[in-house]
Each structure stands twice: as C-alpha cells, then as structure tokens.
C-alpha atoms as a PDB file:
ATOM      1  CA  MET A   1      -5.882 -31.084  -6.367  1.00  0.00           C
ATOM      2  CA  GLU A   2      -2.813 -31.338  -8.501  1.00  0.00           C
ATOM      3  CA  GLY A   3      -1.802 -28.283 -10.737  1.00  0.00           C
ATOM      4  CA  MET A   4      -4.221 -25.669  -8.453  1.00  0.00           C
ATOM      5  CA  GLY A   5      -1.833 -23.816  -7.007  1.00  0.00           C
ATOM      6  CA  ASN A   6      -1.898 -20.460  -8.908  1.00  0.00           C
ATOM      7  CA  THR A   7       0.956 -18.170  -9.205  1.00  0.00           C
ATOM      8  CA  ASN A   8       0.256 -14.241  -8.985  1.00  0.00           C
ATOM      9  CA  LEU A   9      -0.029 -13.348 -12.274  1.00  0.00           C
ATOM     10  CA  ASP A  10      -2.518 -16.040 -13.431  1.00  0.00           C
ATOM     11  CA  ARG A  11      -4.314 -16.414  -9.657  1.00  0.00           C
ATOM     12  CA  TRP A  12      -7.540 -14.211 -10.686  1.00  0.00           C
ATOM     13  CA  THR A  13      -7.608 -16.011 -14.272  1.00  0.00           C
ATOM     14  CA  GLY A  14     -11.045 -17.281 -12.837  1.00  0.00           C
ATOM     15  CA  ILE A  15     -12.940 -13.762 -12.620  1.00  0.00           C
ATOM     16  CA  GLY A  16     -14.545 -11.469 -15.457  1.00  0.00           C
ATOM     17  CA  PRO A  17     -11.995  -8.609 -17.310  1.00  0.00           C
ATOM     18  CA  LEU A  18     -14.124  -6.036 -15.359  1.00  0.00           C
ATOM     19  CA  ALA A  19     -13.446  -7.021 -12.072  1.00  0.00           C
ATOM     20  CA  GLN A  20      -9.891  -7.921 -12.553  1.00  0.00           C
ATOM     21  CA  LYS A  21      -9.402  -4.212 -13.789  1.00  0.00           C
ATOM     22  CA  ALA A  22     -11.004  -2.721 -11.015  1.00  0.00           C
ATOM     23  CA  LEU A  23      -9.206  -5.118  -8.829  1.00  0.00           C
ATOM     24  CA  ALA A  24      -6.919  -3.821  -5.785  1.00  0.00           C
ATOM     25  CA  THR A  25      -5.110  -6.389  -2.726  1.00  0.00           C
ATOM     26  CA  ARG A  26      -4.507  -5.079   0.503  1.00  0.00           C
ATOM     27  CA  ASP A  27      -0.647  -5.074   1.357  1.00  0.00           C
ATOM     28  CA  TYR A  28       0.181  -6.710   4.840  1.00  0.00           C
ATOM     29  CA  ASN A  29       3.668  -6.539   4.923  1.00  0.00           C
ATOM     30  CA  SER A  30       4.957  -4.798   7.736  1.00  0.00           C
ATOM     31  CA  GLY A  31       6.653  -2.288   6.168  1.00  0.00           C
ATOM     32  CA  ASP A  32       9.084   0.978   7.208  1.00  0.00           C
ATOM     33  CA  MET A  33       8.301   1.658  11.017  1.00  0.00           C
ATOM     34  CA  GLN A  34       8.155   5.175  10.414  1.00  0.00           C
ATOM     35  CA  GLU A  35       5.587   4.757   7.354  1.00  0.00           C
ATOM     36  CA  LYS A  36       3.744   2.678  10.495  1.00  0.00           C
ATOM     37  CA  LEU A  37       4.129   5.331  12.756  1.00  0.00           C
ATOM     38  CA  HIS A  38       2.358   8.361  10.376  1.00  0.00           C
ATOM     39  CA  SER A  39      -0.350   5.900   8.968  1.00  0.00           C
ATOM     40  CA  GLY A  40      -1.906   4.510  11.927  1.00  0.00           C
ATOM     41  CA  ARG A  41      -0.686   0.837  11.408  1.00  0.00           C
ATOM     42  CA  ALA A  42       1.672   0.929  14.935  1.00  0.00           C
ATOM     43  CA  ASP A  43       0.938  -1.335  17.783  1.00  0.00           C
ATOM     44  CA  ALA A  44       1.828   0.555  21.750  1.00  0.00           C
ATOM     45  CA  ARG A  45       3.999  -2.736  21.661  1.00  0.00           C
ATOM     46  CA  GLU A  46       6.275  -1.473  18.867  1.00  0.00           C
ATOM     47  CA  VAL A  47       6.568   2.221  20.524  1.00  0.00           C
ATOM     48  CA  ILE A  48       7.508   0.866  23.855  1.00  0.00           C
ATOM     49  CA  GLY A  49      11.279   1.695  25.079  1.00  0.00           C
ATOM     50  CA  ASP A  50      13.970   1.048  22.872  1.00  0.00           C
ATOM     51  CA  ALA A  51      11.856  -1.100  20.612  1.00  0.00           C
ATOM     52  CA  LEU A  52      11.299   2.057  18.885  1.00  0.00           C
ATOM     53  CA  PRO A  53      14.982   3.388  17.110  1.00  0.00           C
ATOM     54  CA  ALA A  54      15.938   7.092  18.552  1.00  0.00           C
ATOM     55  CA  GLU A  55      15.710   8.635  15.234  1.00  0.00           C
ATOM     56  CA  LEU A  56      11.731   8.362  15.373  1.00  0.00           C
ATOM     57  CA  ARG A  57      11.021   8.802  18.995  1.00  0.00           C
ATOM     58  CA  ILE A  58       9.744  12.317  20.220  1.00  0.00           C
ATOM     59  CA  PRO A  59      12.216  12.893  23.038  1.00  0.00           C
ATOM     60  CA  GLY A  60      10.372  13.059  26.044  1.00  0.00           C
ATOM     61  CA  VAL A  61       7.454  10.771  25.526  1.00  0.00           C
ATOM     62  CA  GLU A  62       7.630   7.221  27.321  1.00  0.00           C
ATOM     63  CA  VAL A  63       5.111   4.555  26.452  1.00  0.00           C
ATOM     64  CA  PHE A  64       5.582   1.516  29.073  1.00  0.00           C
ATOM     65  CA  HIS A  65       4.735  -1.929  29.553  1.00  0.00           C
ATOM     66  CA  ARG A  66       2.077  -2.792  31.941  1.00  0.00           C
ATOM     67  CA  ARG A  67       1.035  -6.095  33.398  1.00  0.00           C
ATOM     68  CA  VAL A  68      -3.119  -6.572  33.567  1.00  0.00           C
ATOM     69  CA  PHE A  69      -3.969 -10.083  35.680  1.00  0.00           C
ATOM     70  CA  GLN A  70      -6.508 -11.730  34.853  1.00  0.00           C
ATOM     71  CA  GLN A  71      -9.064 -13.154  37.707  1.00  0.00           C
ATOM     72  CA  ARG A  72     -11.138 -16.022  36.201  1.00  0.00           C
ATOM     73  CA  TYR A  73     -14.604 -15.803  36.644  1.00  0.00           C
ATOM     74  CA  ARG A  74     -14.059 -12.085  38.392  1.00  0.00           C
ATOM     75  CA  GLY A  75     -12.806  -9.702  36.282  1.00  0.00           C
ATOM     76  CA  TYR A  76      -9.236  -8.223  36.170  1.00  0.00           C
ATOM     77  CA  PHE A  77      -6.515  -6.339  37.969  1.00  0.00           C
ATOM     78  CA  GLY A  78      -4.244  -4.153  36.497  1.00  0.00           C
ATOM     79  CA  GLU A  79      -1.231  -1.536  37.956  1.00  0.00           C
ATOM     80  CA  PHE A  80      -1.147   1.618  37.160  1.00  0.00           C
ATOM     81  CA  ALA A  81       2.116   3.118  38.614  1.00  0.00           C
ATOM     82  CA  ARG A  82       3.913   2.714  42.023  1.00  0.00           C
ATOM     83  CA  GLU A  83       5.792   6.374  43.024  1.00  0.00           C
ATOM     84  CA  GLY A  84       9.328   6.040  42.501  1.00  0.00           C
ATOM     85  CA  GLU A  85       9.290   2.739  41.270  1.00  0.00           C
ATOM     86  CA  GLY A  86       9.693   1.882  37.389  1.00  0.00           C
ATOM     87  CA  LEU A  87       9.493   4.320  35.180  1.00  0.00           C
ATOM     88  CA  ALA A  88       7.680   6.816  37.017  1.00  0.00           C
ATOM     89  CA  GLY A  89      10.730   6.491  39.851  1.00  0.00           C
ATOM     90  CA  LYS A  90      13.060   6.592  36.690  1.00  0.00           C
ATOM     91  CA  ILE A  91      12.170  10.422  35.498  1.00  0.00           C
ATOM     92  CA  GLY A  92      11.162  11.452  38.660  1.00  0.00           C
ATOM     93  CA  MET A  93       7.311  12.178  37.845  1.00  0.00           C
ATOM     94  CA  TRP A  94       4.229  11.678  40.118  1.00  0.00           C
ATOM     95  CA  PRO A  95       1.121  13.214  38.812  1.00  0.00           C
ATOM     96  CA  ASN A  96      -0.216  16.401  41.153  1.00  0.00           C
ATOM     97  CA  GLN A  97      -3.539  15.157  40.139  1.00  0.00           C
ATOM     98  CA  TRP A  98      -5.552  12.310  38.875  1.00  0.00           C
ATOM     99  CA  ALA A  99      -8.636  11.851  36.636  1.00  0.00           C
ATOM    100  CA  THR A 100     -10.412   9.818  34.586  1.00  0.00           C
ATOM    101  CA  ALA A 101     -12.274  10.121  31.274  1.00  0.00           C
ATOM    102  CA  LEU A 102     -14.899   8.599  29.296  1.00  0.00           C
ATOM    103  CA  MET A 103     -14.776   8.489  25.382  1.00  0.00           C
ATOM    104  CA  PHE A 104     -18.424   7.453  23.542  1.00  0.00           C
ATOM    105  CA  SER A 105     -17.627   5.090  20.919  1.00  0.00           C
ATOM    106  CA  GLY A 106     -16.485   6.516  17.670  1.00  0.00           C
ATOM    107  CA  THR A 107     -15.513   9.895  19.112  1.00  0.00           C
ATOM    108  CA  SER A 108     -12.157  11.774  19.488  1.00  0.00           C
ATOM    109  CA  LYS A 109     -10.286  14.333  21.536  1.00  0.00           C
ATOM    110  CA  GLY A 110      -7.985  16.958  20.839  1.00  0.00           C
ATOM    111  CA  PHE A 111      -5.520  18.143  19.399  1.00  0.00           C
ATOM    112  CA  HIS A 112      -4.566  19.550  22.765  1.00  0.00           C
ATOM    113  CA  ILE A 113      -0.884  20.644  23.730  1.00  0.00           C
ATOM    114  CA  HIS A 114       0.119  22.573  27.452  1.00  0.00           C
ATOM    115  CA  PRO A 115       2.715  25.208  27.140  1.00  0.00           C
ATOM    116  CA  PRO A 116       6.239  24.582  28.209  1.00  0.00           C
ATOM    117  CA  ALA A 117       7.454  26.552  31.048  1.00  0.00           C
ATOM    118  CA  ILE A 118      11.331  28.067  29.687  1.00  0.00           C
ATOM    119  CA  PRO A 119      13.585  29.656  32.478  1.00  0.00           C
ATOM    120  CA  ALA A 120      14.483  32.800  32.239  1.00  0.00           C
ATOM    121  CA  GLY A 121      17.609  33.889  30.443  1.00  0.00           C
ATOM    122  CA  ILE A 122      17.707  31.330  27.754  1.00  0.00           C
ATOM    123  CA  THR A 123      16.016  30.411  24.478  1.00  0.00           C
ATOM    124  CA  PRO A 124      13.208  28.151  23.901  1.00  0.00           C
ATOM    125  CA  GLU A 125      15.337  26.277  21.280  1.00  0.00           C
ATOM    126  CA  ALA A 126      18.486  26.478  23.531  1.00  0.00           C
ATOM    127  CA  TRP A 127      16.338  24.600  26.379  1.00  0.00           C
ATOM    128  CA  PHE A 128      14.946  21.943  24.645  1.00  0.00           C
ATOM    129  CA  GLN A 129      18.513  21.018  23.200  1.00  0.00           C
ATOM    130  CA  ARG A 130      19.711  21.022  26.799  1.00  0.00           C
ATOM    131  CA  LEU A 131      16.874  19.373  27.887  1.00  0.00           C
ATOM    132  CA  PHE A 132      15.926  16.674  25.665  1.00  0.00           C
ATOM    133  CA  VAL A 133      19.391  16.500  22.974  1.00  0.00           C
ATOM    134  CA  ASP A 134      22.519  17.079  25.492  1.00  0.00           C
ATOM    135  CA  GLU A 135      21.481  16.064  28.836  1.00  0.00           C
ATOM    136  CA  PRO A 136      18.179  13.940  28.399  1.00  0.00           C
ATOM    137  CA  GLU A 137      18.612  11.623  31.516  1.00  0.00           C
ATOM    138  CA  ASN A 138      19.286  14.871  33.897  1.00  0.00           C
ATOM    139  CA  TYR A 139      15.534  14.215  34.729  1.00  0.00           C
ATOM    140  CA  ALA A 140      15.868  16.502  37.883  1.00  0.00           C
ATOM    141  CA  LEU A 141      16.280  19.709  35.275  1.00  0.00           C
ATOM    142  CA  ARG A 142      12.734  19.157  33.953  1.00  0.00           C
ATOM    143  CA  PRO A 143       9.926  21.340  35.943  1.00  0.00           C
ATOM    144  CA  TYR A 144       7.259  19.077  35.808  1.00  0.00           C
ATOM    145  CA  GLU A 145       5.562  21.305  38.830  1.00  0.00           C
ATOM    146  CA  GLN A 146       5.494  24.696  35.847  1.00  0.00           C
ATOM    147  CA  GLU A 147       4.441  22.748  33.223  1.00  0.00           C
ATOM    148  CA  GLN A 148       1.648  20.048  32.464  1.00  0.00           C
ATOM    149  CA  TRP A 149       3.005  16.188  31.620  1.00  0.00           C
ATOM    150  CA  ASP A 150       0.191  13.812  31.429  1.00  0.00           C
ATOM    151  CA  MET A 151       0.705  10.551  32.179  1.00  0.00           C
ATOM    152  CA  MET A 152      -2.028   7.857  30.597  1.00  0.00           C
ATOM    153  CA  PHE A 153      -3.362   4.667  31.302  1.00  0.00           C
ATOM    154  CA  PHE A 154      -6.617   2.972  29.368  1.00  0.00           C
ATOM    155  CA  ILE A 155      -8.894   0.429  31.154  1.00  0.00           C
ATOM    156  CA  GLN A 156     -11.518  -0.538  28.465  1.00  0.00           C
ATOM    157  CA  GLY A 157     -11.645  -0.057  24.676  1.00  0.00           C
ATOM    158  CA  GLN A 158      -9.384   0.815  21.939  1.00  0.00           C
ATOM    159  CA  ALA A 159      -7.629   3.837  21.391  1.00  0.00           C
ATOM    160  CA  GLU A 160      -5.853   5.454  18.696  1.00  0.00           C
ATOM    161  CA  MET A 161      -3.145   8.237  19.608  1.00  0.00           C
ATOM    162  CA  PHE A 162      -1.683  10.349  17.867  1.00  0.00           C
ATOM    163  CA  LEU A 163       1.547  12.190  18.884  1.00  0.00           C
ATOM    164  CA  VAL A 164       3.689  15.601  17.385  1.00  0.00           C
ATOM    165  CA  ASP A 165       6.086  17.334  18.823  1.00  0.00           C
ATOM    166  CA  GLU A 166       6.007  21.174  18.588  1.00  0.00           C
ATOM    167  CA  ARG A 167       8.680  22.418  20.224  1.00  0.00           C
ATOM    168  CA  ALA A 168      10.485  25.220  19.189  1.00  0.00           C
ATOM    169  CA  GLY A 169      13.715  23.788  17.534  1.00  0.00           C
ATOM    170  CA  MET A 170      12.768  20.287  17.776  1.00  0.00           C
ATOM    171  CA  PRO A 171      12.158  18.020  15.261  1.00  0.00           C
ATOM    172  CA  ARG A 172       8.508  17.475  14.151  1.00  0.00           C
ATOM    173  CA  ARG A 173       8.309  14.294  14.884  1.00  0.00           C
ATOM    174  CA  LYS A 174       5.203  12.173  14.484  1.00  0.00           C
ATOM    175  CA  MET A 175       3.774   8.849  16.534  1.00  0.00           C
ATOM    176  CA  ARG A 176       0.673   7.152  15.462  1.00  0.00           C
ATOM    177  CA  PHE A 177      -0.010   3.997  17.235  1.00  0.00           C
ATOM    178  CA  ILE A 178      -3.064   1.653  18.917  1.00  0.00           C
ATOM    179  CA  ILE A 179      -3.825   0.598  22.627  1.00  0.00           C
ATOM    180  CA  GLU A 180      -5.730  -1.519  23.961  1.00  0.00           C
ATOM    181  CA  GLY A 181      -7.571  -1.026  27.185  1.00  0.00           C
ATOM    182  CA  ASP A 182      -7.332  -3.577  30.438  1.00  0.00           C
ATOM    183  CA  ASP A 183     -10.180  -5.859  29.472  1.00  0.00           C
ATOM    184  CA  MET A 184      -7.983  -7.077  25.923  1.00  0.00           C
ATOM    185  CA  PRO A 185      -4.725  -8.069  28.284  1.00  0.00           C
ATOM    186  CA  GLY A 186      -1.553  -8.526  26.022  1.00  0.00           C
ATOM    187  CA  PRO A 187       1.595  -6.542  24.727  1.00  0.00           C
ATOM    188  CA  ASN A 188      -0.784  -3.529  24.000  1.00  0.00           C
ATOM    189  CA  ASN A 189      -1.605  -2.410  27.762  1.00  0.00           C
ATOM    190  CA  VAL A 190       0.752   0.229  28.391  1.00  0.00           C
ATOM    191  CA  GLY A 191       1.104   3.790  29.940  1.00  0.00           C
ATOM    192  CA  VAL A 192       2.179   6.779  28.060  1.00  0.00           C
ATOM    193  CA  VAL A 193       3.864   9.735  29.584  1.00  0.00           C
ATOM    194  CA  ILE A 194       3.535  13.234  27.317  1.00  0.00           C
ATOM    195  CA  PRO A 195       5.478  16.063  27.538  1.00  0.00           C
ATOM    196  CA  ALA A 196       4.433  20.055  28.120  1.00  0.00           C
ATOM    197  CA  GLY A 197       4.637  21.062  23.896  1.00  0.00           C
ATOM    198  CA  VAL A 198       3.864  17.958  22.720  1.00  0.00           C
ATOM    199  CA  ALA A 199       0.151  18.137  20.784  1.00  0.00           C
ATOM    200  CA  HIS A 200      -1.635  14.818  21.275  1.00  0.00           C
ATOM    201  CA  ALA A 201      -4.843  13.585  20.269  1.00  0.00           C
ATOM    202  CA  ILE A 202      -7.016  10.329  21.094  1.00  0.00           C
ATOM    203  CA  ARG A 203      -9.336   8.326  19.231  1.00  0.00           C
ATOM    204  CA  CYS A 204     -11.889   5.581  20.079  1.00  0.00           C
ATOM    205  CA  VAL A 205     -11.750   3.030  17.727  1.00  0.00           C
ATOM    206  CA  SER A 206     -13.490   0.164  19.558  1.00  0.00           C
ATOM    207  CA  SER A 207     -17.101  -0.454  19.451  1.00  0.00           C
ATOM    208  CA  LYS A 208     -16.627  -0.262  23.450  1.00  0.00           C
ATOM    209  CA  ASP A 209     -17.175   3.231  24.873  1.00  0.00           C
ATOM    210  CA  LEU A 210     -13.544   3.904  26.011  1.00  0.00           C
ATOM    211  CA  ILE A 211     -12.245   4.401  29.164  1.00  0.00           C
ATOM    212  CA  MET A 212      -9.269   6.071  30.921  1.00  0.00           C
ATOM    213  CA  VAL A 213      -7.189   7.388  33.939  1.00  0.00           C
ATOM    214  CA  TYR A 214      -4.717  10.261  33.634  1.00  0.00           C
ATOM    215  CA  GLY A 215      -2.181  11.918  36.149  1.00  0.00           C
ATOM    216  CA  THR A 216      -0.779  15.447  35.427  1.00  0.00           C
ATOM    217  CA  SER A 217       2.535  16.753  36.632  1.00  0.00           C
ATOM    218  CA  THR A 218      -0.148  20.282  37.986  1.00  0.00           C
ATOM    219  CA  ARG A 219      -3.092  20.494  38.431  1.00  0.00           C
ATOM    220  CA  PHE A 220      -6.018  21.027  36.239  1.00  0.00           C
ATOM    221  CA  ILE A 221      -5.915  24.735  34.490  1.00  0.00           C
ATOM    222  CA  PRO A 222      -8.069  25.793  31.457  1.00  0.00           C
ATOM    223  CA  GLU A 223      -5.460  28.718  30.303  1.00  0.00           C
ATOM    224  CA  ASN A 224      -2.897  25.598  29.758  1.00  0.00           C
ATOM    225  CA  GLU A 225      -5.372  23.595  27.474  1.00  0.00           C
ATOM    226  CA  GLY A 226      -4.487  24.832  24.041  1.00  0.00           C
ATOM    227  CA  ARG A 227      -6.641  23.271  21.139  1.00  0.00           C
ATOM    228  CA  ILE A 228      -5.239  22.629  17.654  1.00  0.00           C
ATOM    229  CA  GLU A 229      -7.922  21.352  15.127  1.00  0.00           C
ATOM    230  CA  HIS A 230      -9.962  20.093  17.515  1.00  0.00           C
ATOM    231  CA  ALA A 231     -13.164  20.906  15.849  1.00  0.00           C
ATOM    232  CA  ILE A 232     -14.216  16.837  16.230  1.00  0.00           C
ATOM    233  CA  GLU A 233     -14.996  17.488  19.609  1.00  0.00           C
ATOM    234  CA  THR A 234     -17.306  19.941  18.833  1.00  0.00           C
ATOM    235  CA  PRO A 235     -20.094  18.804  15.686  1.00  0.00           C
ATOM    236  CA  LEU A 236     -22.397  20.890  14.173  1.00  0.00           C
ATOM    237  CA  ALA A 237     -26.400  20.318  14.502  1.00  0.00           C
ATOM    238  CA  PRO A 238     -27.335  19.573  10.876  1.00  0.00           C
ATOM    239  CA  PRO A 239     -27.555  22.542   8.555  1.00  0.00           C
ATOM    240  CA  ASP A 240     -31.205  22.824   8.106  1.00  0.00           C
ATOM    241  CA  TRP A 241     -31.482  22.672  11.790  1.00  0.00           C
ATOM    242  CA  GLU A 242     -29.138  25.399  12.656  1.00  0.00           C
ATOM    243  CA  ASP A 243     -31.093  26.757   9.883  1.00  0.00           C
ATOM    244  CA  TYR A 244     -34.418  26.748  11.735  1.00  0.00           C
ATOM    245  CA  TRP A 245     -32.994  27.884  14.934  1.00  0.00           C
ATOM    246  CA  ASN A 246     -31.154  30.963  13.851  1.00  0.00           C
ATOM    247  CA  ARG A 247     -34.188  32.468  12.505  1.00  0.00           C
ATOM    248  CA  ALA A 248     -35.358  35.595  13.775  1.00  0.00           C
END
C-alpha cells in the first residue's frame, strides 16, 4: 500500500513503549576485517592467501581452498593435498604422520600449542624475525623435522578455528573463522597449516559431529602437546555427584 514504507525513525511506532525501550537490532554490516577475525564472524574464504591483508595474517599460517567434487546419488570426493604440488609443494612440507579425529556436536578442543625448535646460538626473537619477516619465502629454513606443524582438513560438520600467535617477539595476532566440511561444498572448504608456537583451538559449531583429518610434520610426541586454557575438554561431573563420590 502507498505510504507504508516506514523510515528508520518511525518503523517501530506500531509496537508498545515497553518493547520499544528494550528493542535492539542486529548489525549485519560486514564490518572491519580485524574485528571479524576477533569476534568470530569471519569465514574461511575470507582468510585464504592474499584475501587477508598481510598486517592481519599470522606468519606461517596458511589457509588454502580445496575442491570437493559432488558425485550425484553417491556422495562426494575431496582431495586433501598432493605431495610436491600446490601449497604443500610450495612450502616444502609433507606430513610425517596422518591421523583422524571426531568431535561430538557441541564439544571443543584446545587450546594446544607445540614448542618451536630454536637453533643454537640465536635468540627465539631473532630466529623468528629471520624465518618469518626477513626471509619469509625461504621455506628451506623451516625445521619441519624438528617441530610439529599441523595440516588440517575437515570432512564433515562445521568448525570454528581459533589461532593465537604466541611466538617470542612476534606480534600477538589472532584469527578466528568458520570452516565447513566436505558435506557442505563451497568456498569455505579449506585446508589449514598451523606452525609450531601458534596456539590453536577448534569448536564444533554444527548439529553434526565434526570429522577431521590432519597431518603433522613430526610424529606424535605427548610431551610436545602443550595445553593452555583447556578445561573445557575435561568437564566436571555435577558438584553433588563429586561430593557423594569423594565421601570417605
């Protein structure tokens, strides 16, 4: 009807004053990219390669697109990586061990961090400066065989990934973004490379269980699995249960 288009000032005149006073609306504007990375509103496709400005990237972290091929009436097929090709070939990393993990819907993992290998005779600050600032494309310098780098892929469900750079002397940058599994084909199907010294956590944010496959540059060593703020992984039983259980 003519004249029904309300302006921003009067669009809520049709509801009572009590509701008007309590009213809030969601801001759907894209917003600043750094704010999105910190608030959890970024998608994986927004942090692939050069799509993310250099000043917001965590050095050594790589997010790369994967193609998932739908096979009608059968399922789907998705490649992880080819040795010596693509990103794996570019950075000279090929996992020494492969593993899989399942996270039930509504659960989280992390934060975890792996210790960086620092050569003798140099400070960590100077080493990271050389490795990631002065010679960032000299991939042969990277001691993959001495420290654990992760290469992660997601097959089913939706993951929210949290990354924090905790390497000595490096800017403490943070990245938080959504990755979609192969069962949701699209631009958010990605692989992620995480260097040693970068704390990482994963949260399953879909109604489906999260299934992932990941490769590590070294074999699994429990002593190298540093944990930070990881209490969410070990939820306590109800307090009254604990009280009853611990009675003499």
